[in-house]
Amino acid sequence: MSQWPKRRPSPEYLLEAIGLKITHILTRMIYNLKSSAERITSRIEIDKVIEYLHFNYGQKISVEEMARAALLSPSHFASVFKKETGRSPMDYLIALRLNKAKKFLRAGGKTITEIALECGFASSSHFSSCFRQEFAITPSEFKKMGHRSTG
């Protein structure tokens, strides 16, 4: 405020507001706090990526592509995504693929390899490994259970 030119009208309330804003920004930086606008923006960007994943789960998708969709750097995106969803981006994508695969397995009519490839897994062995790790049952066993399965 002391730098404000003396010959100009001095809107002290404006200068005080600017000073207060600067103080808030510095305080948030020191204590690593985000403003509510930043949190809302982050959530909107993450929601865009989640929607993108739901429409493209069968495609090969990298964290870099997800970050581009969110308009964030890959490292910042991964951090924000995990904070918002509780999972890393790739863990979220794999869980999404596995849940889609469960629906195909229940419906029948497709082989496990067809389901694995349609859900974005590179091979049926990778799919089976992920499926067993997530649900403690193989895709074949789940398929045999058919509509009686839960989860």
N, C-alpha and C. Protein backbone atom coordinates (compact mmCIF):
# COMPACT_ATOMS: atom_id res chain seq x y z
N MET A 1 0.83 -1.18 0.00
CA MET A 1 0.00 0.00 0.00
C MET A 1 0.88 1.24 0.00
N SER A 2 2.06 1.11 0.57
CA SER A 2 2.94 2.28 0.60
C SER A 2 3.47 2.61 -0.78
N GLN A 3 3.39 1.64 -1.73
CA GLN A 3 3.89 1.87 -3.08
C GLN A 3 2.87 2.52 -4.00
N TRP A 4 1.63 2.67 -3.54
CA TRP A 4 0.57 3.26 -4.36
C TRP A 4 0.93 4.71 -4.67
N PRO A 5 0.87 5.06 -5.96
CA PRO A 5 1.23 6.44 -6.33
C PRO A 5 0.38 7.46 -5.58
N LYS A 6 1.06 8.47 -5.00
CA LYS A 6 0.37 9.47 -4.18
C LYS A 6 -0.55 10.38 -5.01
N ARG A 7 -0.23 10.55 -6.28
CA ARG A 7 -1.05 11.46 -7.08
C ARG A 7 -2.36 10.83 -7.54
N ARG A 8 -2.48 9.53 -7.43
CA ARG A 8 -3.72 8.87 -7.82
C ARG A 8 -4.67 8.83 -6.62
N PRO A 9 -5.97 8.77 -6.93
CA PRO A 9 -6.91 8.62 -5.82
C PRO A 9 -6.60 7.31 -5.10
N SER A 10 -6.63 7.32 -3.81
CA SER A 10 -6.26 6.16 -3.02
C SER A 10 -7.46 5.38 -2.52
N PRO A 11 -7.85 4.37 -3.27
CA PRO A 11 -8.96 3.54 -2.81
C PRO A 11 -8.42 2.54 -1.77
N GLU A 12 -8.31 3.00 -0.54
CA GLU A 12 -7.69 2.18 0.50
C GLU A 12 -8.39 0.85 0.69
N TYR A 13 -9.70 0.82 0.52
CA TYR A 13 -10.40 -0.45 0.67
C TYR A 13 -9.93 -1.46 -0.36
N LEU A 14 -9.64 -0.99 -1.59
CA LEU A 14 -9.15 -1.87 -2.64
C LEU A 14 -7.76 -2.39 -2.29
N LEU A 15 -6.91 -1.49 -1.81
CA LEU A 15 -5.56 -1.91 -1.43
C LEU A 15 -5.59 -2.89 -0.26
N GLU A 16 -6.48 -2.67 0.68
CA GLU A 16 -6.60 -3.60 1.81
C GLU A 16 -7.11 -4.96 1.34
N ALA A 17 -8.04 -4.96 0.41
CA ALA A 17 -8.56 -6.22 -0.13
C ALA A 17 -7.46 -6.98 -0.85
N ILE A 18 -6.65 -6.29 -1.63
CA ILE A 18 -5.54 -6.93 -2.34
C ILE A 18 -4.55 -7.50 -1.32
N GLY A 19 -4.25 -6.73 -0.30
CA GLY A 19 -3.34 -7.20 0.74
C GLY A 19 -3.87 -8.44 1.44
N LEU A 20 -5.18 -8.45 1.71
CA LEU A 20 -5.81 -9.60 2.34
C LEU A 20 -5.75 -10.82 1.43
N LYS A 21 -6.00 -10.62 0.15
CA LYS A 21 -5.95 -11.71 -0.82
C LYS A 21 -4.54 -12.31 -0.88
N ILE A 22 -3.54 -11.44 -0.91
CA ILE A 22 -2.15 -11.91 -0.93
C ILE A 22 -1.85 -12.70 0.34
N THR A 23 -2.31 -12.22 1.47
CA THR A 23 -2.11 -12.92 2.74
C THR A 23 -2.75 -14.31 2.71
N HIS A 24 -3.96 -14.41 2.17
CA HIS A 24 -4.64 -15.70 2.07
C HIS A 24 -3.88 -16.65 1.16
N ILE A 25 -3.41 -16.14 0.04
CA ILE A 25 -2.67 -16.98 -0.90
C ILE A 25 -1.39 -17.51 -0.24
N LEU A 26 -0.67 -16.63 0.42
CA LEU A 26 0.57 -17.05 1.09
C LEU A 26 0.29 -18.05 2.20
N THR A 27 -0.77 -17.83 2.96
CA THR A 27 -1.12 -18.76 4.04
C THR A 27 -1.46 -20.13 3.47
N ARG A 28 -2.25 -20.17 2.38
CA ARG A 28 -2.59 -21.46 1.75
C ARG A 28 -1.34 -22.15 1.23
N MET A 29 -0.41 -21.37 0.68
CA MET A 29 0.83 -21.97 0.18
C MET A 29 1.66 -22.54 1.32
N ILE A 30 1.80 -21.79 2.40
CA ILE A 30 2.61 -22.23 3.55
C ILE A 30 2.04 -23.51 4.16
N TYR A 31 0.73 -23.58 4.31
CA TYR A 31 0.09 -24.74 4.94
C TYR A 31 -0.42 -25.77 3.93
N ASN A 32 -0.07 -25.58 2.66
CA ASN A 32 -0.45 -26.50 1.60
C ASN A 32 -1.96 -26.75 1.57
N LEU A 33 -2.73 -25.69 1.65
CA LEU A 33 -4.19 -25.76 1.62
C LEU A 33 -4.69 -25.36 0.24
N LYS A 34 -5.72 -26.03 -0.22
CA LYS A 34 -6.33 -25.66 -1.49
C LYS A 34 -7.59 -24.86 -1.22
N SER A 35 -7.84 -23.92 -2.10
CA SER A 35 -9.09 -23.19 -1.99
C SER A 35 -10.22 -24.10 -2.47
N SER A 36 -11.45 -23.78 -2.10
CA SER A 36 -12.58 -24.61 -2.52
C SER A 36 -12.70 -24.60 -4.04
N ALA A 37 -12.36 -23.52 -4.69
CA ALA A 37 -12.42 -23.45 -6.16
C ALA A 37 -11.44 -24.44 -6.78
N GLU A 38 -10.25 -24.57 -6.19
CA GLU A 38 -9.27 -25.52 -6.70
C GLU A 38 -9.75 -26.94 -6.53
N ARG A 39 -10.37 -27.25 -5.38
CA ARG A 39 -10.89 -28.60 -5.14
C ARG A 39 -12.02 -28.93 -6.11
N ILE A 40 -12.90 -27.99 -6.36
CA ILE A 40 -14.00 -28.21 -7.29
C ILE A 40 -13.46 -28.43 -8.70
N THR A 41 -12.50 -27.62 -9.11
CA THR A 41 -11.91 -27.77 -10.43
C THR A 41 -11.26 -29.14 -10.57
N SER A 42 -10.52 -29.56 -9.54
CA SER A 42 -9.88 -30.88 -9.58
C SER A 42 -10.93 -31.98 -9.72
N ARG A 43 -12.02 -31.89 -8.98
CA ARG A 43 -13.04 -32.92 -9.04
C ARG A 43 -13.71 -32.96 -10.41
N ILE A 44 -13.93 -31.80 -10.99
CA ILE A 44 -14.53 -31.75 -12.33
C ILE A 44 -13.62 -32.44 -13.34
N GLU A 45 -12.33 -32.16 -13.25
CA GLU A 45 -11.38 -32.77 -14.19
C GLU A 45 -11.31 -34.28 -13.99
N ILE A 46 -11.33 -34.72 -12.75
CA ILE A 46 -11.29 -36.16 -12.46
C ILE A 46 -12.58 -36.82 -12.96
N ASP A 47 -13.71 -36.17 -12.77
CA ASP A 47 -14.98 -36.71 -13.28
C ASP A 47 -14.96 -36.85 -14.80
N LYS A 48 -14.32 -35.91 -15.49
CA LYS A 48 -14.18 -36.01 -16.95
C LYS A 48 -13.40 -37.27 -17.32
N VAL A 49 -12.33 -37.52 -16.59
CA VAL A 49 -11.50 -38.70 -16.87
C VAL A 49 -12.27 -39.97 -16.57
N ILE A 50 -13.00 -40.00 -15.47
CA ILE A 50 -13.79 -41.19 -15.13
C ILE A 50 -14.82 -41.47 -16.21
N GLU A 51 -15.47 -40.44 -16.69
CA GLU A 51 -16.43 -40.61 -17.79
C GLU A 51 -15.72 -41.14 -19.03
N TYR A 52 -14.56 -40.59 -19.34
CA TYR A 52 -13.76 -41.05 -20.47
C TYR A 52 -13.42 -42.53 -20.32
N LEU A 53 -13.02 -42.94 -19.12
CA LEU A 53 -12.67 -44.34 -18.88
C LEU A 53 -13.87 -45.25 -19.06
N HIS A 54 -15.03 -44.83 -18.63
CA HIS A 54 -16.22 -45.66 -18.76
C HIS A 54 -16.60 -45.88 -20.23
N PHE A 55 -16.29 -44.92 -21.07
CA PHE A 55 -16.61 -45.06 -22.50
C PHE A 55 -15.50 -45.74 -23.28
N ASN A 56 -14.28 -45.77 -22.74
CA ASN A 56 -13.13 -46.28 -23.49
C ASN A 56 -12.36 -47.37 -22.76
N TYR A 57 -12.97 -48.02 -21.78
CA TYR A 57 -12.27 -49.00 -20.95
C TYR A 57 -11.63 -50.12 -21.76
N GLY A 58 -12.16 -50.43 -22.93
CA GLY A 58 -11.64 -51.51 -23.76
C GLY A 58 -10.42 -51.13 -24.57
N GLN A 59 -10.09 -49.86 -24.58
CA GLN A 59 -8.94 -49.37 -25.35
C GLN A 59 -7.69 -49.35 -24.48
N LYS A 60 -6.55 -49.31 -25.15
CA LYS A 60 -5.29 -49.14 -24.42
C LYS A 60 -5.23 -47.68 -23.96
N ILE A 61 -5.14 -47.47 -22.65
CA ILE A 61 -5.16 -46.12 -22.09
C ILE A 61 -4.00 -45.99 -21.10
N SER A 62 -3.25 -44.92 -21.25
CA SER A 62 -2.12 -44.68 -20.34
C SER A 62 -2.47 -43.56 -19.36
N VAL A 63 -1.69 -43.47 -18.31
CA VAL A 63 -1.88 -42.38 -17.34
C VAL A 63 -1.65 -41.04 -18.03
N GLU A 64 -0.72 -41.01 -18.98
CA GLU A 64 -0.45 -39.77 -19.71
C GLU A 64 -1.68 -39.31 -20.49
N GLU A 65 -2.38 -40.26 -21.11
CA GLU A 65 -3.60 -39.91 -21.84
C GLU A 65 -4.68 -39.40 -20.89
N MET A 66 -4.81 -40.05 -19.75
CA MET A 66 -5.78 -39.61 -18.75
C MET A 66 -5.45 -38.19 -18.28
N ALA A 67 -4.17 -37.95 -18.04
CA ALA A 67 -3.73 -36.63 -17.57
C ALA A 67 -4.03 -35.56 -18.62
N ARG A 68 -3.82 -35.91 -19.89
CA ARG A 68 -4.14 -34.94 -20.97
C ARG A 68 -5.63 -34.63 -20.97
N ALA A 69 -6.46 -35.64 -20.76
CA ALA A 69 -7.91 -35.43 -20.73
C ALA A 69 -8.29 -34.50 -19.58
N ALA A 70 -7.52 -34.56 -18.48
CA ALA A 70 -7.80 -33.72 -17.31
C ALA A 70 -7.07 -32.38 -17.39
N LEU A 71 -6.26 -32.20 -18.42
CA LEU A 71 -5.47 -30.98 -18.58
C LEU A 71 -4.50 -30.76 -17.41
N LEU A 72 -3.90 -31.87 -16.94
CA LEU A 72 -2.96 -31.82 -15.83
C LEU A 72 -1.69 -32.58 -16.22
N SER A 73 -0.60 -32.31 -15.51
CA SER A 73 0.61 -33.09 -15.73
C SER A 73 0.37 -34.50 -15.20
N PRO A 74 1.03 -35.51 -15.76
CA PRO A 74 0.80 -36.89 -15.30
C PRO A 74 1.00 -37.09 -13.80
N SER A 75 2.05 -36.52 -13.24
CA SER A 75 2.31 -36.73 -11.81
C SER A 75 1.25 -36.04 -10.95
N HIS A 76 0.89 -34.81 -11.31
CA HIS A 76 -0.14 -34.10 -10.55
C HIS A 76 -1.49 -34.80 -10.71
N PHE A 77 -1.78 -35.24 -11.93
CA PHE A 77 -3.03 -35.95 -12.18
C PHE A 77 -3.12 -37.20 -11.32
N ALA A 78 -2.06 -38.01 -11.30
CA ALA A 78 -2.08 -39.25 -10.53
C ALA A 78 -2.32 -38.98 -9.06
N SER A 79 -1.70 -37.93 -8.55
CA SER A 79 -1.87 -37.56 -7.14
C SER A 79 -3.31 -37.13 -6.85
N VAL A 80 -3.85 -36.25 -7.70
CA VAL A 80 -5.21 -35.75 -7.51
C VAL A 80 -6.22 -36.88 -7.68
N PHE A 81 -6.00 -37.73 -8.68
CA PHE A 81 -6.92 -38.84 -8.94
C PHE A 81 -7.00 -39.77 -7.73
N LYS A 82 -5.85 -40.13 -7.18
CA LYS A 82 -5.84 -41.01 -6.01
C LYS A 82 -6.52 -40.36 -4.81
N LYS A 83 -6.28 -39.07 -4.64
CA LYS A 83 -6.91 -38.35 -3.52
C LYS A 83 -8.43 -38.34 -3.69
N GLU A 84 -8.91 -38.17 -4.91
CA GLU A 84 -10.36 -38.08 -5.16
C GLU A 84 -11.06 -39.44 -5.18
N THR A 85 -10.36 -40.50 -5.65
CA THR A 85 -11.03 -41.80 -5.83
C THR A 85 -10.57 -42.87 -4.85
N GLY A 86 -9.42 -42.66 -4.23
CA GLY A 86 -8.88 -43.68 -3.33
C GLY A 86 -8.08 -44.74 -4.05
N ARG A 87 -7.97 -44.64 -5.36
CA ARG A 87 -7.19 -45.60 -6.17
C ARG A 87 -6.30 -44.85 -7.13
N SER A 88 -5.21 -45.50 -7.52
CA SER A 88 -4.38 -44.91 -8.58
C SER A 88 -5.17 -44.97 -9.88
N PRO A 89 -4.82 -44.17 -10.87
CA PRO A 89 -5.57 -44.21 -12.13
C PRO A 89 -5.61 -45.60 -12.77
N MET A 90 -4.47 -46.30 -12.78
CA MET A 90 -4.45 -47.62 -13.40
C MET A 90 -5.22 -48.65 -12.57
N ASP A 91 -5.14 -48.56 -11.24
CA ASP A 91 -5.93 -49.46 -10.40
C ASP A 91 -7.42 -49.24 -10.64
N TYR A 92 -7.81 -47.98 -10.78
CA TYR A 92 -9.21 -47.66 -11.05
C TYR A 92 -9.64 -48.26 -12.40
N LEU A 93 -8.80 -48.10 -13.42
CA LEU A 93 -9.11 -48.62 -14.75
C LEU A 93 -9.22 -50.14 -14.72
N ILE A 94 -8.31 -50.80 -14.04
CA ILE A 94 -8.36 -52.26 -13.96
C ILE A 94 -9.63 -52.71 -13.23
N ALA A 95 -9.98 -52.04 -12.13
CA ALA A 95 -11.21 -52.39 -11.41
C ALA A 95 -12.44 -52.18 -12.29
N LEU A 96 -12.45 -51.10 -13.05
CA LEU A 96 -13.55 -50.84 -13.98
C LEU A 96 -13.64 -51.96 -15.01
N ARG A 97 -12.51 -52.32 -15.59
CA ARG A 97 -12.49 -53.39 -16.59
C ARG A 97 -12.98 -54.71 -16.00
N LEU A 98 -12.54 -55.01 -14.79
CA LEU A 98 -12.95 -56.26 -14.15
C LEU A 98 -14.46 -56.29 -13.88
N ASN A 99 -15.01 -55.18 -13.46
CA ASN A 99 -16.46 -55.13 -13.23
C ASN A 99 -17.24 -55.24 -14.52
N LYS A 100 -16.73 -54.65 -15.60
CA LYS A 100 -17.39 -54.83 -16.91
C LYS A 100 -17.29 -56.30 -17.32
N ALA A 101 -16.13 -56.90 -17.08
CA ALA A 101 -15.93 -58.31 -17.45
C ALA A 101 -16.90 -59.21 -16.69
N LYS A 102 -17.15 -58.91 -15.42
CA LYS A 102 -18.11 -59.71 -14.64
C LYS A 102 -19.49 -59.70 -15.30
N LYS A 103 -19.88 -58.57 -15.84
CA LYS A 103 -21.19 -58.49 -16.51
C LYS A 103 -21.21 -59.37 -17.75
N PHE A 104 -20.10 -59.35 -18.52
CA PHE A 104 -20.02 -60.21 -19.70
C PHE A 104 -20.00 -61.69 -19.32
N LEU A 105 -19.30 -62.01 -18.24
CA LEU A 105 -19.24 -63.40 -17.78
C LEU A 105 -20.62 -63.90 -17.36
N ARG A 106 -21.37 -63.05 -16.68
CA ARG A 106 -22.74 -63.41 -16.26
C ARG A 106 -23.65 -63.62 -17.47
N ALA A 107 -23.47 -62.76 -18.47
CA ALA A 107 -24.35 -62.82 -19.65
C ALA A 107 -24.10 -64.06 -20.48
N GLY A 108 -22.86 -64.56 -20.46
CA GLY A 108 -22.53 -65.72 -21.27
C GLY A 108 -22.40 -65.36 -22.73
N GLY A 109 -22.14 -66.36 -23.57
CA GLY A 109 -22.07 -66.14 -25.00
C GLY A 109 -20.69 -65.78 -25.53
N LYS A 110 -19.75 -65.43 -24.67
CA LYS A 110 -18.41 -65.07 -25.11
C LYS A 110 -17.39 -65.91 -24.34
N THR A 111 -16.27 -66.17 -25.01
CA THR A 111 -15.20 -66.88 -24.33
C THR A 111 -14.48 -65.93 -23.38
N ILE A 112 -13.72 -66.49 -22.48
CA ILE A 112 -12.96 -65.67 -21.53
C ILE A 112 -11.94 -64.83 -22.28
N THR A 113 -11.33 -65.36 -23.31
CA THR A 113 -10.37 -64.58 -24.10
C THR A 113 -11.06 -63.41 -24.79
N GLU A 114 -12.23 -63.64 -25.37
CA GLU A 114 -12.97 -62.55 -26.00
C GLU A 114 -13.31 -61.45 -24.99
N ILE A 115 -13.75 -61.86 -23.82
CA ILE A 115 -14.09 -60.88 -22.78
C ILE A 115 -12.85 -60.12 -22.35
N ALA A 116 -11.76 -60.83 -22.15
CA ALA A 116 -10.50 -60.18 -21.72
C ALA A 116 -10.09 -59.12 -22.72
N LEU A 117 -10.09 -59.46 -24.00
CA LEU A 117 -9.67 -58.50 -25.03
C LEU A 117 -10.67 -57.35 -25.16
N GLU A 118 -11.95 -57.65 -25.07
CA GLU A 118 -12.97 -56.60 -25.18
C GLU A 118 -12.90 -55.62 -24.02
N CYS A 119 -12.45 -56.10 -22.87
CA CYS A 119 -12.35 -55.25 -21.68
C CYS A 119 -11.00 -54.57 -21.55
N GLY A 120 -10.14 -54.71 -22.55
CA GLY A 120 -8.88 -53.96 -22.55
C GLY A 120 -7.67 -54.66 -21.99
N PHE A 121 -7.80 -55.95 -21.67
CA PHE A 121 -6.64 -56.69 -21.18
C PHE A 121 -5.84 -57.20 -22.38
N ALA A 122 -4.53 -57.20 -22.25
CA ALA A 122 -3.66 -57.61 -23.36
C ALA A 122 -3.73 -59.12 -23.61
N SER A 123 -4.06 -59.89 -22.57
CA SER A 123 -4.13 -61.33 -22.73
C SER A 123 -5.13 -61.90 -21.72
N SER A 124 -5.57 -63.12 -21.99
CA SER A 124 -6.49 -63.76 -21.06
C SER A 124 -5.77 -64.15 -19.77
N SER A 125 -4.46 -64.41 -19.84
CA SER A 125 -3.73 -64.76 -18.61
C SER A 125 -3.61 -63.55 -17.69
N HIS A 126 -3.37 -62.37 -18.26
CA HIS A 126 -3.32 -61.15 -17.43
C HIS A 126 -4.70 -60.87 -16.83
N PHE A 127 -5.72 -61.03 -17.64
CA PHE A 127 -7.08 -60.85 -17.16
C PHE A 127 -7.38 -61.81 -16.00
N SER A 128 -7.06 -63.09 -16.19
CA SER A 128 -7.33 -64.09 -15.15
C SER A 128 -6.58 -63.77 -13.86
N SER A 129 -5.34 -63.34 -14.00
CA SER A 129 -4.53 -62.99 -12.84
C SER A 129 -5.15 -61.82 -12.07
N CYS A 130 -5.53 -60.77 -12.79
CA CYS A 130 -6.15 -59.61 -12.16
C CYS A 130 -7.49 -59.97 -11.53
N PHE A 131 -8.27 -60.77 -12.24
CA PHE A 131 -9.59 -61.17 -11.76
C PHE A 131 -9.46 -61.95 -10.45
N ARG A 132 -8.54 -62.91 -10.44
CA ARG A 132 -8.36 -63.73 -9.23
C ARG A 132 -7.88 -62.86 -8.07
N GLN A 133 -6.98 -61.93 -8.35
CA GLN A 133 -6.46 -61.05 -7.30
C GLN A 133 -7.58 -60.18 -6.71
N GLU A 134 -8.48 -59.68 -7.57
CA GLU A 134 -9.55 -58.78 -7.11
C GLU A 134 -10.70 -59.52 -6.44
N PHE A 135 -11.08 -60.70 -6.98
CA PHE A 135 -12.29 -61.37 -6.51
C PHE A 135 -12.05 -62.73 -5.85
N ALA A 136 -10.79 -63.17 -5.76
CA ALA A 136 -10.43 -64.45 -5.13
C ALA A 136 -11.13 -65.65 -5.79
N ILE A 137 -11.34 -65.54 -7.09
CA ILE A 137 -11.97 -66.60 -7.88
C ILE A 137 -11.51 -66.40 -9.32
N THR A 138 -11.41 -67.46 -10.09
CA THR A 138 -10.99 -67.31 -11.49
C THR A 138 -12.19 -66.91 -12.35
N PRO A 139 -11.94 -66.32 -13.50
CA PRO A 139 -13.06 -66.00 -14.40
C PRO A 139 -13.86 -67.24 -14.80
N SER A 140 -13.17 -68.37 -14.99
CA SER A 140 -13.88 -69.61 -15.36
C SER A 140 -14.83 -70.04 -14.25
N GLU A 141 -14.35 -70.00 -13.02
CA GLU A 141 -15.20 -70.37 -11.88
C GLU A 141 -16.39 -69.41 -11.77
N PHE A 142 -16.11 -68.13 -11.95
CA PHE A 142 -17.18 -67.12 -11.87
C PHE A 142 -18.21 -67.37 -12.97
N LYS A 143 -17.73 -67.67 -14.16
CA LYS A 143 -18.63 -67.91 -15.30
C LYS A 143 -19.52 -69.12 -15.03
N LYS A 144 -18.95 -70.17 -14.44
CA LYS A 144 -19.72 -71.38 -14.12
C LYS A 144 -20.81 -71.07 -13.10
N MET A 145 -20.53 -70.15 -12.18
CA MET A 145 -21.51 -69.77 -11.17
C MET A 145 -22.68 -69.03 -11.81
N GLY A 146 -22.43 -68.36 -12.95
CA GLY A 146 -23.47 -67.68 -13.69
C GLY A 146 -24.17 -66.60 -12.88
N HIS A 147 -25.48 -66.54 -12.97
CA HIS A 147 -26.28 -65.49 -12.33
C HIS A 147 -26.34 -65.64 -10.81
N ARG A 148 -25.93 -66.76 -10.27
CA ARG A 148 -25.98 -66.96 -8.82
C ARG A 148 -24.93 -66.13 -8.09
N SER A 149 -23.95 -65.61 -8.82
CA SER A 149 -22.85 -64.87 -8.17
C SER A 149 -23.31 -63.52 -7.65
N THR A 150 -22.61 -63.07 -6.64
CA THR A 150 -22.87 -61.74 -6.09
C THR A 150 -21.66 -60.88 -6.32
N GLY A 151 -21.84 -59.57 -6.18
CA GLY A 151 -20.70 -58.64 -6.28
C GLY A 151 -20.46 -58.16 -7.60
